[in-house]
Amino acid sequence: MATEEDVRRMALALPGVVERPSWGQPAWFAATLMARIWEDGVLTVKSEEREALAGTDPDTYFWTAHHERSPRLVLVRLDRIGTEELGELLMESHRIAGGKAPG
């Protein structure tokens, strides 16, 4: 089970990421928004696999009508994923958001 603190620790460990509020929630930015707490226990990330993720595990991955016009945004229920999967999601979202390559 991943937590908001796991998100914070992993996101801030990525090159060039800063935390600042977005719509009153904690958010992490690379060149653009890479992740944001949508509501308690739910994280927004960018993924090129949104359809596949939601199609195979809709109890964990989903989106709302608000996210329809942004086909890379997916919501993730943090209590349904482990920290390894969270790390992979954050690295992909960092890349899509224009983050600097590690190293």
Protein backbone atom coordinates (compact mmCIF):
# COMPACT_ATOMS: atom_id res chain seq x y z
CA MET A 1 0.00 0.00 0.00
CA ALA A 2 1.45 3.36 -1.05
CA THR A 3 0.84 6.60 0.82
CA GLU A 4 1.01 10.32 0.10
CA GLU A 5 4.32 10.41 1.98
CA ASP A 6 5.66 7.71 -0.39
CA VAL A 7 4.58 9.88 -3.33
CA ARG A 8 6.31 12.92 -1.84
CA ARG A 9 9.56 11.06 -1.10
CA MET A 10 9.74 9.37 -4.52
CA ALA A 11 8.68 12.42 -6.54
CA LEU A 12 11.16 14.74 -4.85
CA ALA A 13 13.95 12.21 -5.45
CA LEU A 14 13.50 12.65 -9.23
CA PRO A 15 15.73 15.25 -10.94
CA GLY A 16 14.35 18.79 -10.98
CA VAL A 17 11.05 18.01 -9.24
CA VAL A 18 9.53 20.61 -6.94
CA GLU A 19 6.43 20.45 -4.77
CA ARG A 20 3.85 23.20 -4.68
CA PRO A 21 0.07 23.34 -4.27
CA SER A 22 -2.26 22.91 -7.23
CA TRP A 23 -6.00 23.38 -6.72
CA GLY A 24 -5.36 23.27 -2.97
CA GLN A 25 -3.66 19.87 -3.07
CA PRO A 26 0.00 18.82 -2.94
CA ALA A 27 1.45 18.58 -6.45
CA TRP A 28 4.81 17.76 -7.97
CA PHE A 29 6.19 19.47 -11.05
CA ALA A 30 9.02 18.65 -13.46
CA ALA A 31 8.87 20.97 -16.50
CA THR A 32 5.05 20.64 -16.15
CA LEU A 33 2.70 18.98 -13.66
CA MET A 34 3.70 15.34 -13.14
CA ALA A 35 1.55 14.30 -10.17
CA ARG A 36 -1.08 15.73 -7.85
CA ILE A 37 -3.21 14.48 -5.04
CA TRP A 38 -6.72 14.50 -6.51
CA GLU A 39 -8.46 13.70 -3.23
CA ASP A 40 -7.46 11.80 -0.09
CA GLY A 41 -5.84 8.55 -1.16
CA VAL A 42 -6.06 9.26 -4.91
CA LEU A 43 -3.16 10.44 -7.04
CA THR A 44 -3.21 11.90 -10.56
CA VAL A 45 -0.27 10.92 -12.77
CA LYS A 46 0.52 11.02 -16.49
CA SER A 47 0.74 7.71 -18.33
CA GLU A 48 0.77 6.57 -21.93
CA GLU A 49 -0.93 3.38 -20.68
CA ARG A 50 -4.10 4.92 -19.22
CA GLU A 51 -6.52 2.75 -21.22
CA ALA A 52 -4.59 -0.45 -20.49
CA LEU A 53 -4.24 0.31 -16.79
CA ALA A 54 -7.93 1.10 -16.30
CA GLY A 55 -8.93 -1.78 -18.54
CA THR A 56 -7.02 -4.38 -16.57
CA ASP A 57 -7.53 -2.95 -13.04
CA PRO A 58 -10.44 -0.46 -12.93
CA ASP A 59 -10.63 -0.67 -9.12
CA THR A 60 -7.15 0.89 -8.97
CA TYR A 61 -6.91 3.04 -12.13
CA PHE A 62 -9.67 5.29 -13.41
CA TRP A 63 -10.48 8.82 -14.53
CA THR A 64 -13.37 11.24 -14.27
CA ALA A 65 -15.14 13.38 -16.84
CA HIS A 66 -12.74 16.16 -15.80
CA HIS A 67 -9.85 14.08 -17.20
CA GLU A 68 -11.48 13.15 -20.54
CA ARG A 69 -9.78 15.92 -22.50
CA SER A 70 -6.35 14.92 -21.15
CA PRO A 71 -5.83 11.35 -22.37
CA ARG A 72 -2.57 10.87 -20.45
CA LEU A 73 -4.02 11.64 -17.01
CA VAL A 74 -5.03 8.69 -14.86
CA LEU A 75 -6.15 8.52 -11.26
CA VAL A 76 -4.63 5.91 -8.96
CA ARG A 77 -6.02 4.65 -5.66
CA LEU A 78 -2.89 4.61 -3.51
CA ASP A 79 -4.17 1.96 -1.10
CA ARG A 80 -4.32 -0.51 -4.01
CA ILE A 81 -0.72 -0.25 -5.24
CA GLY A 82 2.69 -0.97 -3.75
CA THR A 83 5.64 1.38 -3.65
CA GLU A 84 7.43 -0.38 -6.52
CA GLU A 85 4.49 0.21 -8.85
CA LEU A 86 4.16 3.78 -7.57
CA GLY A 87 7.81 4.40 -8.38
CA GLU A 88 7.32 3.16 -11.94
CA LEU A 89 4.25 5.38 -12.40
CA LEU A 90 6.10 8.43 -11.08
CA MET A 91 9.12 7.82 -13.32
CA GLU A 92 6.87 7.56 -16.40
CA SER A 93 4.93 10.66 -15.38
CA HIS A 94 8.19 12.54 -14.78
CA ARG A 95 9.38 11.67 -18.29
CA ILE A 96 6.06 12.73 -19.88
CA ALA A 97 6.08 15.97 -17.85
CA GLY A 98 9.44 16.90 -19.35
CA GLY A 99 11.61 15.92 -16.41
CA LYS A 100 15.36 15.79 -16.70
CA ALA A 101 16.91 12.35 -17.19
CA PRO A 102 18.60 10.98 -14.07
CA GLY A 103 22.37 11.23 -13.94
